[in-house]
Amino acid sequence: MGLIGGMARTAVVAGTATAVSNRVSRRQANRWAAQESYAQPQAPQQVYVAPPPPQPASSGSEDVIAQLERLGKLRDEGVLTDAEFSAQKARLLAG
């Protein structure tokens, strides 16, 4: 093996050693970063909670009776069918 062959061999060995060393360094840095992220307290995540839907105004029995009377008039006038009247009546009575 001549002088050029020896230099080429040295270059290959040195290049391989550098590549391996860089990979080991990157892996170790990633491990340290992962350990630091576990050691540092995490800020609590802010979670948006939608407000509850507004409650319907408390309707007394007088209000329900008035609404039922209006529904009855609409049914008598032919605006509502018997099925629609029954559905709306059930909705009102269910509260």
PDB file of N, CA and C in Angstrom:
ATOM      1  N   MET A   1       0.847  -1.150   0.000  1.00  0.00           N
ATOM      2  CA  MET A   1       0.000   0.000   0.000  1.00  0.00           C
ATOM      3  C   MET A   1       0.905   1.229   0.000  1.00  0.00           C
ATOM      4  N   GLY A   2       0.622   2.144  -0.869  1.00  0.00           N
ATOM      5  CA  GLY A   2       1.459   3.320  -1.015  1.00  0.00           C
ATOM      6  C   GLY A   2       1.004   4.453  -0.116  1.00  0.00           C
ATOM      7  N   LEU A   3       1.623   5.538  -0.337  1.00  0.00           N
ATOM      8  CA  LEU A   3       1.331   6.727   0.464  1.00  0.00           C
ATOM      9  C   LEU A   3      -0.104   7.189   0.271  1.00  0.00           C
ATOM     10  N   ILE A   4      -0.590   7.175  -0.961  1.00  0.00           N
ATOM     11  CA  ILE A   4      -1.964   7.611  -1.247  1.00  0.00           C
ATOM     12  C   ILE A   4      -2.959   6.641  -0.632  1.00  0.00           C
ATOM     13  N   GLY A   5      -2.686   5.351  -0.693  1.00  0.00           N
ATOM     14  CA  GLY A   5      -3.569   4.354  -0.099  1.00  0.00           C
ATOM     15  C   GLY A   5      -3.674   4.538   1.406  1.00  0.00           C
ATOM     16  N   GLY A   6      -2.561   4.828   2.060  1.00  0.00           N
ATOM     17  CA  GLY A   6      -2.566   5.051   3.507  1.00  0.00           C
ATOM     18  C   GLY A   6      -3.354   6.300   3.876  1.00  0.00           C
ATOM     19  N   MET A   7      -3.198   7.338   3.057  1.00  0.00           N
ATOM     20  CA  MET A   7      -3.941   8.570   3.327  1.00  0.00           C
ATOM     21  C   MET A   7      -5.448   8.354   3.120  1.00  0.00           C
ATOM     22  N   ALA A   8      -5.811   7.601   2.093  1.00  0.00           N
ATOM     23  CA  ALA A   8      -7.223   7.337   1.831  1.00  0.00           C
ATOM     24  C   ALA A   8      -7.832   6.531   2.980  1.00  0.00           C
ATOM     25  N   ARG A   9      -7.075   5.544   3.450  1.00  0.00           N
ATOM     26  CA  ARG A   9      -7.554   4.712   4.549  1.00  0.00           C
ATOM     27  C   ARG A   9      -7.740   5.556   5.814  1.00  0.00           C
ATOM     28  N   THR A  10      -6.793   6.433   6.084  1.00  0.00           N
ATOM     29  CA  THR A  10      -6.887   7.307   7.254  1.00  0.00           C
ATOM     30  C   THR A  10      -8.098   8.235   7.129  1.00  0.00           C
ATOM     31  N   ALA A  11      -8.353   8.735   5.934  1.00  0.00           N
ATOM     32  CA  ALA A  11      -9.493   9.626   5.717  1.00  0.00           C
ATOM     33  C   ALA A  11     -10.807   8.886   5.945  1.00  0.00           C
ATOM     34  N   VAL A  12     -10.905   7.646   5.494  1.00  0.00           N
ATOM     35  CA  VAL A  12     -12.125   6.855   5.684  1.00  0.00           C
ATOM     36  C   VAL A  12     -12.346   6.585   7.159  1.00  0.00           C
ATOM     37  N   VAL A  13     -11.308   6.195   7.868  1.00  0.00           N
ATOM     38  CA  VAL A  13     -11.426   5.905   9.297  1.00  0.00           C
ATOM     39  C   VAL A  13     -11.812   7.169  10.058  1.00  0.00           C
ATOM     40  N   ALA A  14     -11.176   8.282   9.736  1.00  0.00           N
ATOM     41  CA  ALA A  14     -11.476   9.531  10.429  1.00  0.00           C
ATOM     42  C   ALA A  14     -12.904   9.988  10.123  1.00  0.00           C
ATOM     43  N   GLY A  15     -13.339   9.851   8.897  1.00  0.00           N
ATOM     44  CA  GLY A  15     -14.705  10.234   8.526  1.00  0.00           C
ATOM     45  C   GLY A  15     -15.732   9.382   9.241  1.00  0.00           C
ATOM     46  N   THR A  16     -15.490   8.090   9.312  1.00  0.00           N
ATOM     47  CA  THR A  16     -16.409   7.190  10.005  1.00  0.00           C
ATOM     48  C   THR A  16     -16.458   7.533  11.485  1.00  0.00           C
ATOM     49  N   ALA A  17     -15.311   7.772  12.082  1.00  0.00           N
ATOM     50  CA  ALA A  17     -15.271   8.111  13.501  1.00  0.00           C
ATOM     51  C   ALA A  17     -16.016   9.417  13.774  1.00  0.00           C
ATOM     52  N   THR A  18     -15.879  10.384  12.901  1.00  0.00           N
ATOM     53  CA  THR A  18     -16.579  11.653  13.080  1.00  0.00           C
ATOM     54  C   THR A  18     -18.094  11.462  12.968  1.00  0.00           C
ATOM     55  N   ALA A  19     -18.532  10.685  11.998  1.00  0.00           N
ATOM     56  CA  ALA A  19     -19.959  10.445  11.814  1.00  0.00           C
ATOM     57  C   ALA A  19     -20.554   9.739  13.038  1.00  0.00           C
ATOM     58  N   VAL A  20     -19.854   8.730  13.547  1.00  0.00           N
ATOM     59  CA  VAL A  20     -20.334   8.004  14.721  1.00  0.00           C
ATOM     60  C   VAL A  20     -20.365   8.928  15.934  1.00  0.00           C
ATOM     61  N   SER A  21     -19.317   9.713  16.107  1.00  0.00           N
ATOM     62  CA  SER A  21     -19.252  10.625  17.236  1.00  0.00           C
ATOM     63  C   SER A  21     -20.402  11.647  17.188  1.00  0.00           C
ATOM     64  N   ASN A  22     -20.694  12.190  16.008  1.00  0.00           N
ATOM     65  CA  ASN A  22     -21.788  13.152  15.865  1.00  0.00           C
ATOM     66  C   ASN A  22     -23.137  12.509  16.197  1.00  0.00           C
ATOM     67  N   ARG A  23     -23.335  11.280  15.757  1.00  0.00           N
ATOM     68  CA  ARG A  23     -24.606  10.601  16.029  1.00  0.00           C
ATOM     69  C   ARG A  23     -24.768  10.348  17.528  1.00  0.00           C
ATOM     70  N   VAL A  24     -23.702   9.916  18.179  1.00  0.00           N
ATOM     71  CA  VAL A  24     -23.753   9.682  19.624  1.00  0.00           C
ATOM     72  C   VAL A  24     -24.050  10.990  20.355  1.00  0.00           C
ATOM     73  N   SER A  25     -23.445  12.076  19.925  1.00  0.00           N
ATOM     74  CA  SER A  25     -23.678  13.373  20.557  1.00  0.00           C
ATOM     75  C   SER A  25     -25.136  13.811  20.395  1.00  0.00           C
ATOM     76  N   ARG A  26     -25.693  13.616  19.191  1.00  0.00           N
ATOM     77  CA  ARG A  26     -27.090  13.990  18.963  1.00  0.00           C
ATOM     78  C   ARG A  26     -28.041  13.168  19.832  1.00  0.00           C
ATOM     79  N   ARG A  27     -27.793  11.877  19.920  1.00  0.00           N
ATOM     80  CA  ARG A  27     -28.653  11.018  20.734  1.00  0.00           C
ATOM     81  C   ARG A  27     -28.582  11.418  22.201  1.00  0.00           C
ATOM     82  N   GLN A  28     -27.370  11.711  22.683  1.00  0.00           N
ATOM     83  CA  GLN A  28     -27.222  12.106  24.081  1.00  0.00           C
ATOM     84  C   GLN A  28     -27.909  13.446  24.338  1.00  0.00           C
ATOM     85  N   ALA A  29     -27.786  14.379  23.417  1.00  0.00           N
ATOM     86  CA  ALA A  29     -28.447  15.673  23.576  1.00  0.00           C
ATOM     87  C   ALA A  29     -29.969  15.500  23.608  1.00  0.00           C
ATOM     88  N   ASN A  30     -30.497  14.614  22.765  1.00  0.00           N
ATOM     89  CA  ASN A  30     -31.939  14.348  22.776  1.00  0.00           C
ATOM     90  C   ASN A  30     -32.381  13.738  24.101  1.00  0.00           C
ATOM     91  N   ARG A  31     -31.579  12.854  24.650  1.00  0.00           N
ATOM     92  CA  ARG A  31     -31.921  12.248  25.947  1.00  0.00           C
ATOM     93  C   ARG A  31     -31.928  13.300  27.051  1.00  0.00           C
ATOM     94  N   TRP A  32     -30.945  14.174  27.043  1.00  0.00           N
ATOM     95  CA  TRP A  32     -30.880  15.221  28.067  1.00  0.00           C
ATOM     96  C   TRP A  32     -32.072  16.170  27.934  1.00  0.00           C
ATOM     97  N   ALA A  33     -32.420  16.495  26.704  1.00  0.00           N
ATOM     98  CA  ALA A  33     -33.562  17.389  26.485  1.00  0.00           C
ATOM     99  C   ALA A  33     -34.846  16.736  26.986  1.00  0.00           C
ATOM    100  N   ALA A  34     -34.996  15.441  26.765  1.00  0.00           N
ATOM    101  CA  ALA A  34     -36.188  14.739  27.232  1.00  0.00           C
ATOM    102  C   ALA A  34     -36.229  14.714  28.757  1.00  0.00           C
ATOM    103  N   GLN A  35     -35.080  14.513  29.392  1.00  0.00           N
ATOM    104  CA  GLN A  35     -35.044  14.506  30.854  1.00  0.00           C
ATOM    105  C   GLN A  35     -35.369  15.887  31.413  1.00  0.00           C
ATOM    106  N   GLU A  36     -34.892  16.932  30.775  1.00  0.00           N
ATOM    107  CA  GLU A  36     -35.177  18.289  31.232  1.00  0.00           C
ATOM    108  C   GLU A  36     -36.646  18.618  31.100  1.00  0.00           C
ATOM    109  N   SER A  37     -37.278  18.140  30.038  1.00  0.00           N
ATOM    110  CA  SER A  37     -38.701  18.440  29.860  1.00  0.00           C
ATOM    111  C   SER A  37     -39.536  17.749  30.925  1.00  0.00           C
ATOM    112  N   TYR A  38     -39.092  16.585  31.407  1.00  0.00           N
ATOM    113  CA  TYR A  38     -39.812  15.913  32.492  1.00  0.00           C
ATOM    114  C   TYR A  38     -39.545  16.600  33.831  1.00  0.00           C
ATOM    115  N   ALA A  39     -38.350  17.155  33.996  1.00  0.00           N
ATOM    116  CA  ALA A  39     -37.987  17.767  35.265  1.00  0.00           C
ATOM    117  C   ALA A  39     -38.650  19.130  35.448  1.00  0.00           C
ATOM    118  N   GLN A  40     -38.880  19.862  34.351  1.00  0.00           N
ATOM    119  CA  GLN A  40     -39.478  21.187  34.460  1.00  0.00           C
ATOM    120  C   GLN A  40     -40.990  21.054  34.629  1.00  0.00           C
ATOM    121  N   PRO A  41     -41.550  21.796  35.570  1.00  0.00           N
ATOM    122  CA  PRO A  41     -43.005  21.739  35.719  1.00  0.00           C
ATOM    123  C   PRO A  41     -43.677  22.340  34.494  1.00  0.00           C
ATOM    124  N   GLN A  42     -44.679  21.676  34.029  1.00  0.00           N
ATOM    125  CA  GLN A  42     -45.395  22.139  32.850  1.00  0.00           C
ATOM    126  C   GLN A  42     -46.461  23.142  33.272  1.00  0.00           C
ATOM    127  N   ALA A  43     -46.586  24.184  32.490  1.00  0.00           N
ATOM    128  CA  ALA A  43     -47.642  25.158  32.754  1.00  0.00           C
ATOM    129  C   ALA A  43     -48.980  24.495  32.451  1.00  0.00           C
ATOM    130  N   PRO A  44     -49.971  24.706  33.289  1.00  0.00           N
ATOM    131  CA  PRO A  44     -51.256  24.068  33.027  1.00  0.00           C
ATOM    132  C   PRO A  44     -51.859  24.587  31.724  1.00  0.00           C
ATOM    133  N   GLN A  45     -52.453  23.685  30.990  1.00  0.00           N
ATOM    134  CA  GLN A  45     -53.095  24.049  29.742  1.00  0.00           C
ATOM    135  C   GLN A  45     -54.365  24.833  30.050  1.00  0.00           C
ATOM    136  N   GLN A  46     -54.571  25.900  29.323  1.00  0.00           N
ATOM    137  CA  GLN A  46     -55.802  26.654  29.499  1.00  0.00           C
ATOM    138  C   GLN A  46     -56.866  26.019  28.628  1.00  0.00           C
ATOM    139  N   VAL A  47     -57.947  25.659  29.251  1.00  0.00           N
ATOM    140  CA  VAL A  47     -59.027  24.998  28.540  1.00  0.00           C
ATOM    141  C   VAL A  47     -60.227  25.924  28.537  1.00  0.00           C
ATOM    142  N   TYR A  48     -60.775  26.147  27.369  1.00  0.00           N
ATOM    143  CA  TYR A  48     -61.961  26.975  27.250  1.00  0.00           C
ATOM    144  C   TYR A  48     -63.180  26.115  27.502  1.00  0.00           C
ATOM    145  N   VAL A  49     -63.980  26.555  28.440  1.00  0.00           N
ATOM    146  CA  VAL A  49     -65.220  25.861  28.732  1.00  0.00           C
ATOM    147  C   VAL A  49     -66.350  26.810  28.369  1.00  0.00           C
ATOM    148  N   ALA A  50     -67.195  26.357  27.472  1.00  0.00           N
ATOM    149  CA  ALA A  50     -68.308  27.190  27.036  1.00  0.00           C
ATOM    150  C   ALA A  50     -69.284  27.375  28.191  1.00  0.00           C
ATOM    151  N   PRO A  51     -69.817  28.560  28.321  1.00  0.00           N
ATOM    152  CA  PRO A  51     -70.794  28.768  29.391  1.00  0.00           C
ATOM    153  C   PRO A  51     -72.048  27.952  29.113  1.00  0.00           C
ATOM    154  N   PRO A  52     -72.747  27.563  30.149  1.00  0.00           N
ATOM    155  CA  PRO A  52     -73.955  26.774  29.924  1.00  0.00           C
ATOM    156  C   PRO A  52     -75.002  27.614  29.207  1.00  0.00           C
ATOM    157  N   PRO A  53     -75.860  26.977  28.447  1.00  0.00           N
ATOM    158  CA  PRO A  53     -76.887  27.743  27.742  1.00  0.00           C
ATOM    159  C   PRO A  53     -77.799  28.428  28.743  1.00  0.00           C
ATOM    160  N   PRO A  54     -78.307  29.577  28.385  1.00  0.00           N
ATOM    161  CA  PRO A  54     -79.160  30.293  29.326  1.00  0.00           C
ATOM    162  C   PRO A  54     -80.413  29.484  29.643  1.00  0.00           C
ATOM    163  N   GLN A  55     -80.779  29.530  30.887  1.00  0.00           N
ATOM    164  CA  GLN A  55     -81.976  28.825  31.316  1.00  0.00           C
ATOM    165  C   GLN A  55     -83.194  29.618  30.856  1.00  0.00           C
ATOM    166  N   PRO A  56     -84.225  28.932  30.405  1.00  0.00           N
ATOM    167  CA  PRO A  56     -85.416  29.664  30.024  1.00  0.00           C
ATOM    168  C   PRO A  56     -86.018  30.343  31.249  1.00  0.00           C
ATOM    169  N   ALA A  57     -86.605  31.465  30.991  1.00  0.00           N
ATOM    170  CA  ALA A  57     -87.215  32.199  32.101  1.00  0.00           C
ATOM    171  C   ALA A  57     -88.244  31.302  32.769  1.00  0.00           C
ATOM    172  N   SER A  58     -88.211  31.322  34.099  1.00  0.00           N
ATOM    173  CA  SER A  58     -89.133  30.443  34.812  1.00  0.00           C
ATOM    174  C   SER A  58     -90.549  30.881  34.501  1.00  0.00           C
ATOM    175  N   SER A  59     -91.231  30.027  33.787  1.00  0.00           N
ATOM    176  CA  SER A  59     -92.592  30.360  33.400  1.00  0.00           C
ATOM    177  C   SER A  59     -93.541  29.720  34.389  1.00  0.00           C
ATOM    178  N   GLY A  60     -94.363  30.542  34.943  1.00  0.00           N
ATOM    179  CA  GLY A  60     -95.344  30.036  35.888  1.00  0.00           C
ATOM    180  C   GLY A  60     -96.431  29.280  35.143  1.00  0.00           C
ATOM    181  N   SER A  61     -97.331  28.692  35.881  1.00  0.00           N
ATOM    182  CA  SER A  61     -98.405  27.925  35.261  1.00  0.00           C
ATOM    183  C   SER A  61     -99.303  28.829  34.434  1.00  0.00           C
ATOM    184  N   GLU A  62     -99.383  30.125  34.805  1.00  0.00           N
ATOM    185  CA  GLU A  62    -100.206  31.060  34.036  1.00  0.00           C
ATOM    186  C   GLU A  62     -99.639  31.245  32.634  1.00  0.00           C
ATOM    187  N   ASP A  63     -98.307  31.306  32.532  1.00  0.00           N
ATOM    188  CA  ASP A  63     -97.660  31.481  31.243  1.00  0.00           C
ATOM    189  C   ASP A  63     -97.906  30.256  30.357  1.00  0.00           C
ATOM    190  N   VAL A  64     -97.796  29.058  30.926  1.00  0.00           N
ATOM    191  CA  VAL A  64     -98.012  27.831  30.169  1.00  0.00           C
ATOM    192  C   VAL A  64     -99.458  27.779  29.690  1.00  0.00           C
ATOM    193  N   ILE A  65    -100.380  28.169  30.554  1.00  0.00           N
ATOM    194  CA  ILE A  65    -101.803  28.153  30.174  1.00  0.00           C
ATOM    195  C   ILE A  65    -102.045  29.135  29.032  1.00  0.00           C
ATOM    196  N   ALA A  66    -101.421  30.305  29.094  1.00  0.00           N
ATOM    197  CA  ALA A  66    -101.581  31.301  28.030  1.00  0.00           C
ATOM    198  C   ALA A  66    -101.031  30.768  26.710  1.00  0.00           C
ATOM    199  N   GLN A  67     -99.893  30.094  26.776  1.00  0.00           N
ATOM    200  CA  GLN A  67     -99.307  29.541  25.556  1.00  0.00           C
ATOM    201  C   GLN A  67    -100.188  28.434  24.997  1.00  0.00           C
ATOM    202  N   LEU A  68    -100.749  27.613  25.860  1.00  0.00           N
ATOM    203  CA  LEU A  68    -101.647  26.551  25.395  1.00  0.00           C
ATOM    204  C   LEU A  68    -102.900  27.143  24.744  1.00  0.00           C
ATOM    205  N   GLU A  69    -103.400  28.216  25.310  1.00  0.00           N
ATOM    206  CA  GLU A  69    -104.567  28.874  24.718  1.00  0.00           C
ATOM    207  C   GLU A  69    -104.238  29.415  23.327  1.00  0.00           C
ATOM    208  N   ARG A  70    -103.052  30.013  23.184  1.00  0.00           N
ATOM    209  CA  ARG A  70    -102.645  30.515  21.865  1.00  0.00           C
ATOM    210  C   ARG A  70    -102.510  29.380  20.866  1.00  0.00           C
ATOM    211  N   LEU A  71    -101.929  28.253  21.325  1.00  0.00           N
ATOM    212  CA  LEU A  71    -101.810  27.096  20.433  1.00  0.00           C
ATOM    213  C   LEU A  71    -103.188  26.589  20.025  1.00  0.00           C
ATOM    214  N   GLY A  72    -104.111  26.577  20.983  1.00  0.00           N
ATOM    215  CA  GLY A  72    -105.477  26.129  20.675  1.00  0.00           C
ATOM    216  C   GLY A  72    -106.128  27.032  19.635  1.00  0.00           C
ATOM    217  N   LYS A  73    -105.926  28.338  19.764  1.00  0.00           N
ATOM    218  CA  LYS A  73    -106.495  29.269  18.778  1.00  0.00           C
ATOM    219  C   LYS A  73    -105.887  29.040  17.406  1.00  0.00           C
ATOM    220  N   LEU A  74    -104.564  28.817  17.368  1.00  0.00           N
ATOM    221  CA  LEU A  74    -103.910  28.560  16.080  1.00  0.00           C
ATOM    222  C   LEU A  74    -104.430  27.272  15.454  1.00  0.00           C
ATOM    223  N   ARG A  75    -104.693  26.270  16.271  1.00  0.00           N
ATOM    224  CA  ARG A  75    -105.238  25.007  15.758  1.00  0.00           C
ATOM    225  C   ARG A  75    -106.665  25.235  15.243  1.00  0.00           C
ATOM    226  N   ASP A  76    -107.448  25.995  15.989  1.00  0.00           N
ATOM    227  CA  ASP A  76    -108.825  26.256  15.574  1.00  0.00           C
ATOM    228  C   ASP A  76    -108.881  27.075  14.291  1.00  0.00           C
ATOM    229  N   GLU A  77    -107.900  27.948  14.090  1.00  0.00           N
ATOM    230  CA  GLU A  77    -107.853  28.765  12.880  1.00  0.00           C
ATOM    231  C   GLU A  77    -107.300  27.982  11.691  1.00  0.00           C
ATOM    232  N   GLY A  78    -106.752  26.794  11.936  1.00  0.00           N
ATOM    233  CA  GLY A  78    -106.215  25.972  10.855  1.00  0.00           C
ATOM    234  C   GLY A  78    -104.753  26.231  10.560  1.00  0.00           C
ATOM    235  N   VAL A  79    -104.104  27.032  11.370  1.00  0.00           N
ATOM    236  CA  VAL A  79    -102.678  27.313  11.167  1.00  0.00           C
ATOM    237  C   VAL A  79    -101.856  26.095  11.570  1.00  0.00           C
ATOM    238  N   LEU A  80    -102.264  25.426  12.653  1.00  0.00           N
ATOM    239  CA  LEU A  80    -101.580  24.229  13.127  1.00  0.00           C
ATOM    240  C   LEU A  80    -102.462  23.004  12.893  1.00  0.00           C
ATOM    241  N   THR A  81    -101.833  21.895  12.534  1.00  0.00           N
ATOM    242  CA  THR A  81    -102.568  20.636  12.439  1.00  0.00           C
ATOM    243  C   THR A  81    -102.690  20.050  13.837  1.00  0.00           C
ATOM    244  N   ASP A  82    -103.518  19.035  13.979  1.00  0.00           N
ATOM    245  CA  ASP A  82    -103.677  18.395  15.280  1.00  0.00           C
ATOM    246  C   ASP A  82    -102.353  17.789  15.762  1.00  0.00           C
ATOM    247  N   ALA A  83    -101.581  17.239  14.820  1.00  0.00           N
ATOM    248  CA  ALA A  83    -100.297  16.638  15.191  1.00  0.00           C
ATOM    249  C   ALA A  83     -99.319  17.711  15.672  1.00  0.00           C
ATOM    250  N   GLU A  84     -99.276  18.841  14.977  1.00  0.00           N
ATOM    251  CA  GLU A  84     -98.388  19.928  15.390  1.00  0.00           C
ATOM    252  C   GLU A  84     -98.817  20.490  16.741  1.00  0.00           C
ATOM    253  N   PHE A  85    -100.131  20.624  16.937  1.00  0.00           N
ATOM    254  CA  PHE A  85    -100.638  21.108  18.213  1.00  0.00           C
ATOM    255  C   PHE A  85    -100.235  20.162  19.342  1.00  0.00           C
ATOM    256  N   SER A  86    -100.387  18.864  19.106  1.00  0.00           N
ATOM    257  CA  SER A  86    -100.039  17.883  20.137  1.00  0.00           C
ATOM    258  C   SER A  86     -98.545  17.927  20.461  1.00  0.00           C
ATOM    259  N   ALA A  87     -97.724  18.081  19.428  1.00  0.00           N
ATOM    260  CA  ALA A  87     -96.275  18.124  19.647  1.00  0.00           C
ATOM    261  C   ALA A  87     -95.890  19.363  20.459  1.00  0.00           C
ATOM    262  N   GLN A  88     -96.446  20.513  20.113  1.00  0.00           N
ATOM    263  CA  GLN A  88     -96.137  21.742  20.829  1.00  0.00           C
ATOM    264  C   GLN A  88     -96.679  21.705  22.253  1.00  0.00           C
ATOM    265  N   LYS A  89     -97.846  21.106  22.417  1.00  0.00           N
ATOM    266  CA  LYS A  89     -98.441  20.977  23.747  1.00  0.00           C
ATOM    267  C   LYS A  89     -97.555  20.103  24.642  1.00  0.00           C
ATOM    268  N   ALA A  90     -97.063  18.991  24.072  1.00  0.00           N
ATOM    269  CA  ALA A  90     -96.178  18.098  24.839  1.00  0.00           C
ATOM    270  C   ALA A  90     -94.882  18.817  25.211  1.00  0.00           C
ATOM    271  N   ARG A  91     -94.363  19.618  24.278  1.00  0.00           N
ATOM    272  CA  ARG A  91     -93.132  20.364  24.566  1.00  0.00           C
ATOM    273  C   ARG A  91     -93.341  21.357  25.701  1.00  0.00           C
ATOM    274  N   LEU A  92     -94.459  22.053  25.663  1.00  0.00           N
ATOM    275  CA  LEU A  92     -94.739  23.024  26.727  1.00  0.00           C
ATOM    276  C   LEU A  92     -94.932  22.342  28.084  1.00  0.00           C
ATOM    277  N   LEU A  93     -95.645  21.240  28.083  1.00  0.00           N
ATOM    278  CA  LEU A  93     -95.922  20.570  29.345  1.00  0.00           C
ATOM    279  C   LEU A  93     -94.688  19.885  29.912  1.00  0.00           C
ATOM    280  N   ALA A  94     -93.767  19.499  29.026  1.00  0.00           N
ATOM    281  CA  ALA A  94     -92.528  18.857  29.480  1.00  0.00           C
ATOM    282  C   ALA A  94     -91.611  19.885  30.142  1.00  0.00           C
ATOM    283  N   GLY A  95     -91.809  21.143  29.790  1.00  0.00           N
ATOM    284  CA  GLY A  95     -91.096  22.201  30.473  1.00  0.00           C
ATOM    285  C   GLY A  95     -89.813  22.576  29.906  1.00  0.00           C
TER     286      GLY A  95
END
